[in-house]
């Protein structure tokens, strides 16, 4: 489908609510640009020698940007005419809140009673309270529960299922803290939030050996893909909100990748000066989207910011149509 068809016929039939098992967080926080996917070692070597890299689209060059991950990225797009308004990318804290809002099952690591000092991993369904703290419904017969009663220190590893099947390129987060039994006066709201996410748990929630535990994080670590990583302040995490496009993102990605490859190639040429033969939208959030591009020089990735923030699927559609129209005008 060409750009004209994109502008006249763009629609998102997949925008209805997506079942949790099919959801995917809108992905990477930092793009890579001139680094091919098969040269990951070069990226990490550059990070080690020169400090954290934030790639920005500037006539096909990758630049170092010395700024903390919570500050906006400055971008210069490779086209003539007035510069697009610059908007920040979601922070790591927002990315983690979004990830945990979409993924219902994680890996809980507790400290083993049988083998002191060794971590004990368990599959763990979880929900979130209003501050983003993970909630567990666990039986006192379970080994992880016995471990927590003996020592509440633990970590929860939450991973996104990569939209393109690339596990190492997908987002993940580790929350470290103490998981302790929820006080009786907090049971009602915790129970409601947990059962809203795990409906089948109604069959055993009232069993006498089951109790609600809540993990109070003391620190968080986020990885958004290759070379994208950093510690997240607990207070920033607790005050962050999930991305408003999180539920719609899988439908947007599926629709764009199925029907509008030519339009994404056009946007890559207009916004990054990259000639691609194939394009895949790998993530979308309220502030923009990322593309993985196949070029004659290898595979490259770019992030393109929206003209302004998108808070609904309808906003996203309108912005993409406008950006394609602008790209056609400049072509």
Protein backbone atom coordinates (compact mmCIF):
# COMPACT_ATOMS: atom_id res chain seq x y z
CA UNK A 1 0.00 0.00 0.00
CA UNK A 2 1.41 3.42 -0.96
CA UNK A 3 1.33 6.70 0.96
CA UNK A 4 -1.82 7.93 -0.84
CA UNK A 5 -3.72 4.84 0.24
CA UNK A 6 -2.35 5.29 3.76
CA UNK A 7 -3.69 8.84 4.02
CA UNK A 8 -7.10 8.04 2.54
CA UNK A 9 -7.71 4.71 4.22
CA UNK A 10 -5.87 4.56 7.53
CA UNK A 11 -7.94 2.94 10.26
CA UNK A 12 -7.25 0.80 13.30
CA UNK A 13 -9.81 -2.00 13.59
CA UNK A 14 -7.54 -3.62 16.18
CA UNK A 15 -7.88 -0.72 18.62
CA UNK A 16 -10.47 -2.45 20.78
CA UNK A 17 -9.15 -3.65 24.10
CA UNK A 18 -6.54 -6.37 23.64
CA UNK A 19 -6.54 -9.40 25.97
CA UNK A 20 -3.69 -9.28 28.49
CA UNK A 21 -1.99 -12.32 27.01
CA UNK A 22 -1.70 -10.53 23.65
CA UNK A 23 -0.45 -7.21 24.91
CA UNK A 24 2.99 -5.82 24.35
CA UNK A 25 4.43 -2.76 25.93
CA UNK A 26 5.28 0.08 23.60
CA UNK A 27 8.94 -0.49 23.57
CA UNK A 28 12.41 0.95 23.46
CA UNK A 29 13.33 4.17 25.26
CA UNK A 30 16.48 4.93 23.30
CA UNK A 31 16.87 4.23 19.62
CA UNK A 32 19.97 3.07 17.85
CA UNK A 33 20.76 4.46 14.52
CA UNK A 34 24.04 3.66 12.80
CA UNK A 35 24.69 0.46 14.77
CA UNK A 36 23.59 -2.76 13.10
CA UNK A 37 21.73 -5.31 15.18
CA UNK A 38 24.51 -7.84 14.63
CA UNK A 39 27.12 -5.49 16.15
CA UNK A 40 25.79 -5.26 19.70
CA UNK A 41 29.29 -5.58 21.17
CA UNK A 42 30.33 -2.31 19.52
CA UNK A 43 27.44 -0.52 21.20
CA UNK A 44 28.34 -1.79 24.66
CA UNK A 45 32.02 -1.00 24.07
CA UNK A 46 31.10 2.56 23.18
CA UNK A 47 28.93 2.81 26.28
CA UNK A 48 31.80 1.57 28.45
CA UNK A 49 34.45 3.86 26.95
CA UNK A 50 32.52 7.06 26.40
CA UNK A 51 29.53 6.91 28.73
CA UNK A 52 25.84 6.27 28.06
CA UNK A 53 24.80 6.87 24.48
CA UNK A 54 21.53 8.39 23.43
CA UNK A 55 21.17 8.11 19.66
CA UNK A 56 19.57 11.01 17.83
CA UNK A 57 18.64 11.30 14.19
CA UNK A 58 20.95 13.91 12.65
CA UNK A 59 21.72 13.28 8.99
CA UNK A 60 22.40 9.62 9.68
CA UNK A 61 24.89 10.20 12.52
CA UNK A 62 24.81 8.78 16.05
CA UNK A 63 25.62 11.41 18.66
CA UNK A 64 26.37 11.25 22.36
CA UNK A 65 23.90 13.20 24.48
CA UNK A 66 24.88 13.88 28.09
CA UNK A 67 21.58 13.96 29.91
CA UNK A 68 19.81 11.84 32.49
CA UNK A 69 17.09 9.52 31.18
CA UNK A 70 14.32 11.65 32.70
CA UNK A 71 15.17 14.67 30.54
CA UNK A 72 13.85 15.24 27.02
CA UNK A 73 15.98 14.22 24.07
CA UNK A 74 16.82 16.87 21.52
CA UNK A 75 16.47 15.73 17.93
CA UNK A 76 17.27 17.28 14.59
CA UNK A 77 15.43 15.64 11.73
CA UNK A 78 17.01 15.32 8.31
CA UNK A 79 14.73 17.42 6.16
CA UNK A 80 14.55 21.01 4.98
CA UNK A 81 12.04 23.47 6.34
CA UNK A 82 10.92 24.43 9.85
CA UNK A 83 12.04 22.11 12.62
CA UNK A 84 9.38 19.93 14.22
CA UNK A 85 8.40 20.72 17.80
CA UNK A 86 10.63 18.70 20.13
CA UNK A 87 8.99 16.56 22.78
CA UNK A 88 10.57 14.38 25.45
CA UNK A 89 10.50 10.61 25.44
CA UNK A 90 8.82 8.68 28.26
CA UNK A 91 11.08 8.27 31.28
CA UNK A 92 12.35 4.94 32.51
CA UNK A 93 9.85 5.25 35.39
CA UNK A 94 6.96 5.59 32.94
CA UNK A 95 8.30 2.66 30.92
CA UNK A 96 8.38 0.43 33.99
CA UNK A 97 4.86 1.41 35.08
CA UNK A 98 3.63 0.69 31.57
CA UNK A 99 5.41 -2.65 31.45
CA UNK A 100 3.99 -3.80 34.79
CA UNK A 101 0.50 -2.65 33.80
CA UNK A 102 0.59 -4.96 30.77
CA UNK A 103 2.40 -8.07 32.00
CA UNK A 104 0.40 -10.13 34.54
CA UNK A 105 2.95 -12.84 35.36
CA UNK A 106 6.60 -12.47 36.39
CA UNK A 107 9.46 -14.30 38.11
CA UNK A 108 9.76 -13.87 41.87
CA UNK A 109 13.15 -14.61 43.41
CA UNK A 110 13.24 -15.24 47.14
CA UNK A 111 16.07 -16.27 49.44
CA UNK A 112 16.12 -20.03 49.92
CA UNK A 113 15.63 -21.45 53.41
CA UNK A 114 17.10 -24.78 52.38
CA UNK A 115 20.17 -23.30 50.67
CA UNK A 116 20.87 -20.05 52.57
CA UNK A 117 22.08 -17.20 50.39
CA UNK A 118 20.88 -18.75 47.13
CA UNK A 119 17.98 -17.22 45.15
CA UNK A 120 14.88 -19.35 44.58
CA UNK A 121 12.89 -18.49 41.43
CA UNK A 122 9.13 -18.92 41.13
CA UNK A 123 6.51 -18.14 38.51
CA UNK A 124 4.35 -15.42 40.06
CA UNK A 125 1.05 -13.89 38.90
CA UNK A 126 0.76 -10.37 40.27
CA UNK A 127 -1.39 -7.26 40.29
CA UNK A 128 -0.57 -3.65 41.19
CA UNK A 129 -1.92 -1.32 43.83
CA UNK A 130 -2.43 2.39 43.18
CA UNK A 131 1.26 3.10 43.83
CA UNK A 132 2.41 0.40 41.41
CA UNK A 133 3.46 -2.02 44.17
CA UNK A 134 3.13 -5.67 43.13
CA UNK A 135 0.54 -7.79 44.93
CA UNK A 136 0.74 -11.59 45.23
CA UNK A 137 -1.85 -14.15 46.31
CA UNK A 138 0.20 -17.06 47.65
CA UNK A 139 -0.26 -20.20 49.71
CA UNK A 140 1.70 -20.79 52.89
CA UNK A 141 2.44 -24.25 51.49
CA UNK A 142 4.45 -22.76 48.62
CA UNK A 143 8.21 -22.67 48.99
CA UNK A 144 8.42 -18.99 48.00
CA UNK A 145 5.95 -18.10 50.76
CA UNK A 146 7.99 -19.98 53.33
CA UNK A 147 11.09 -18.19 52.09
CA UNK A 148 9.41 -14.78 52.40
CA UNK A 149 8.20 -15.48 55.93
CA UNK A 150 11.76 -16.33 56.88
CA UNK A 151 13.30 -13.38 54.98
CA UNK A 152 11.06 -10.88 53.10
CA UNK A 153 13.84 -9.63 50.82
CA UNK A 154 13.14 -10.54 47.21
CA UNK A 155 13.11 -9.36 43.62
CA UNK A 156 10.50 -9.49 40.87
CA UNK A 157 11.63 -9.80 37.24
CA UNK A 158 9.03 -8.64 34.70
CA UNK A 159 9.61 -9.13 30.98
CA UNK A 160 7.80 -7.99 27.87
CA UNK A 161 7.16 -10.52 25.14
CA UNK A 162 9.04 -9.11 22.16
CA UNK A 163 6.69 -8.15 19.34
CA UNK A 164 9.23 -9.43 16.81
CA UNK A 165 10.31 -12.47 18.82
CA UNK A 166 13.60 -10.89 19.94
CA UNK A 167 13.77 -11.49 23.70
CA UNK A 168 16.97 -9.47 24.17
CA UNK A 169 15.47 -6.49 22.37
CA UNK A 170 12.35 -6.46 24.57
CA UNK A 171 11.79 -4.37 27.68
CA UNK A 172 12.22 -5.83 31.16
CA UNK A 173 12.50 -4.60 34.72
CA UNK A 174 13.67 -5.87 38.09
CA UNK A 175 12.08 -4.63 41.31
CA UNK A 176 13.96 -5.25 44.54
CA UNK A 177 12.39 -4.89 47.95
CA UNK A 178 10.55 -6.59 50.78
CA UNK A 179 7.37 -8.64 50.27
CA UNK A 180 5.27 -8.91 53.39
CA UNK A 181 1.73 -9.90 54.28
CA UNK A 182 -0.86 -7.22 53.56
CA UNK A 183 -2.41 -5.80 56.77
CA UNK A 184 -6.05 -6.69 57.39
CA UNK A 185 -7.21 -3.08 56.94
CA UNK A 186 -5.79 -3.05 53.38
CA UNK A 187 -7.17 -6.40 52.25
CA UNK A 188 -10.37 -5.14 50.57
CA UNK A 189 -8.79 -2.83 47.93
CA UNK A 190 -5.90 -5.25 47.36
CA UNK A 191 -8.31 -8.13 46.85
CA UNK A 192 -10.36 -6.14 44.35
CA UNK A 193 -7.33 -5.13 42.27
CA UNK A 194 -5.93 -8.65 42.25
CA UNK A 195 -9.18 -10.34 41.26
CA UNK A 196 -9.80 -7.76 38.52
CA UNK A 197 -6.57 -8.94 36.93
CA UNK A 198 -6.75 -12.63 37.81
CA UNK A 199 -10.40 -13.62 37.65
CA UNK A 200 -9.73 -17.35 38.09
CA UNK A 201 -8.24 -16.67 41.52
CA UNK A 202 -11.78 -16.29 42.87
CA UNK A 203 -11.83 -20.09 43.13
CA UNK A 204 -9.13 -20.16 45.82
CA UNK A 205 -8.84 -16.62 47.18
CA UNK A 206 -10.81 -17.56 50.31
CA UNK A 207 -8.88 -20.73 51.08
CA UNK A 208 -7.45 -20.50 54.58
CA UNK A 209 -3.87 -21.14 53.50
CA UNK A 210 -3.82 -18.26 50.95
CA UNK A 211 -2.80 -14.72 51.84
CA UNK A 212 -2.03 -11.48 50.03
CA UNK A 213 1.55 -10.25 50.07
CA UNK A 214 2.77 -6.89 48.75
CA UNK A 215 6.23 -6.01 47.51
CA UNK A 216 7.49 -2.61 48.66
CA UNK A 217 10.28 -1.71 46.21
CA UNK A 218 13.50 -0.14 47.44
CA UNK A 219 15.05 0.06 43.96
CA UNK A 220 14.25 -0.73 40.34
CA UNK A 221 16.32 -1.46 37.27
CA UNK A 222 15.03 -1.07 33.71
CA UNK A 223 16.33 -2.49 30.43
CA UNK A 224 14.61 -1.26 27.30
CA UNK A 225 16.60 -3.29 24.79
CA UNK A 226 20.21 -3.41 23.63
CA UNK A 227 22.25 -0.70 25.40
CA UNK A 228 19.17 0.90 27.01
CA UNK A 229 19.27 0.54 30.77
CA UNK A 230 19.28 2.41 34.04
CA UNK A 231 18.22 2.55 37.68
CA UNK A 232 14.80 4.03 38.43
CA UNK A 233 14.04 6.09 41.52
CA UNK A 234 11.27 4.48 43.58
CA UNK A 235 9.38 7.74 44.12
CA UNK A 236 9.50 8.54 40.41
CA UNK A 237 8.12 5.09 39.68
CA UNK A 238 5.31 5.42 42.22
CA UNK A 239 4.25 8.78 40.76
CA UNK A 240 4.51 7.69 37.12
CA UNK A 241 1.54 6.55 35.07
CA UNK A 242 1.27 3.88 32.38
CA UNK A 243 1.38 5.13 28.81
CA UNK A 244 -2.16 5.97 27.59
CA UNK A 245 -1.56 4.01 24.35
CA UNK A 246 -0.35 0.87 26.12
CA UNK A 247 -3.51 -1.18 25.54
CA UNK A 248 -3.89 -0.03 21.93
CA UNK A 249 -0.21 -0.41 20.99
CA UNK A 250 -0.38 -4.06 19.83
CA UNK A 251 -3.23 -3.22 17.45
CA UNK A 252 -1.45 -0.15 16.11
CA UNK A 253 1.73 -2.10 15.48
CA UNK A 254 -0.10 -4.99 13.80
CA UNK A 255 -2.06 -2.65 11.53
CA UNK A 256 0.91 -0.50 10.53
CA UNK A 257 3.15 -3.49 9.84
CA UNK A 258 0.49 -5.30 7.84
CA UNK A 259 -0.82 -2.43 5.72
CA UNK A 260 1.46 0.62 5.74
CA UNK A 261 5.06 -0.44 5.18
CA UNK A 262 5.47 2.01 2.28
CA UNK A 263 4.32 4.89 4.46
CA UNK A 264 6.82 3.97 7.19
CA UNK A 265 9.60 3.84 4.59
CA UNK A 266 8.54 7.34 3.53
CA UNK A 267 8.63 8.58 7.13
CA UNK A 268 12.09 7.08 7.63
CA UNK A 269 13.36 8.90 4.56
CA UNK A 270 11.74 12.19 5.59
CA UNK A 271 12.62 12.18 9.29
CA UNK A 272 15.95 10.40 9.31
CA UNK A 273 17.33 10.61 5.80
CA UNK A 274 17.49 6.81 5.64
CA UNK A 275 16.62 4.87 2.50
CA UNK A 276 15.04 1.63 3.62
CA UNK A 277 13.78 -1.35 1.66
CA UNK A 278 11.76 -2.70 4.58
CA UNK A 279 10.32 -1.06 7.71
CA UNK A 280 8.74 -2.46 10.87
CA UNK A 281 7.14 -0.39 13.62
CA UNK A 282 8.43 -1.99 16.82
CA UNK A 283 6.91 0.34 19.42
CA UNK A 284 4.56 3.25 19.84
CA UNK A 285 3.82 5.47 22.82
CA UNK A 286 2.19 8.82 23.51
CA UNK A 287 5.23 10.75 22.27
CA UNK A 288 6.30 8.81 19.19
CA UNK A 289 7.28 5.50 17.66
CA UNK A 290 10.31 3.42 16.72
CA UNK A 291 11.06 1.81 13.38
CA UNK A 292 13.41 -1.03 12.54
CA UNK A 293 14.70 -0.48 9.02
CA UNK A 294 16.35 -2.85 6.59
CA UNK A 295 18.79 -0.93 4.38
CA UNK A 296 21.58 -1.83 1.98
CA UNK A 297 23.98 -1.07 4.85
CA UNK A 298 22.27 -3.38 7.32
CA UNK A 299 19.53 -3.09 9.92
CA UNK A 300 19.06 0.27 11.64
CA UNK A 301 16.64 1.67 14.18
CA UNK A 302 15.17 5.15 14.53
CA UNK A 303 12.73 6.88 16.82
CA UNK A 304 10.36 9.46 15.36
CA UNK A 305 8.52 11.87 17.63
CA UNK A 306 4.91 12.80 17.01
CA UNK A 307 4.13 16.44 16.28
CA UNK A 308 2.49 16.56 19.71
CA UNK A 309 1.40 14.12 22.39
CA UNK A 310 -1.12 11.43 21.45
CA UNK A 311 -3.40 10.23 24.23
CA UNK A 312 -5.87 8.11 22.22
CA UNK A 313 -5.74 5.79 19.21
CA UNK A 314 -7.66 8.43 17.29
CA UNK A 315 -4.94 10.98 18.06
CA UNK A 316 -2.34 8.52 16.82
CA UNK A 317 -4.15 7.97 13.55
CA UNK A 318 -4.57 11.70 12.92
CA UNK A 319 -0.91 12.42 13.68
CA UNK A 320 0.36 9.65 11.43
CA UNK A 321 -1.84 10.87 8.57
CA UNK A 322 -0.55 14.43 9.07
CA UNK A 323 3.07 13.30 9.18
CA UNK A 324 2.69 11.25 5.99
CA UNK A 325 1.10 14.23 4.24
CA UNK A 326 4.01 16.44 5.33
CA UNK A 327 6.50 13.82 4.14
CA UNK A 328 4.82 13.63 0.74
CA UNK A 329 4.95 17.41 0.46
CA UNK A 330 8.70 17.43 1.16
CA UNK A 331 9.41 14.47 -1.15
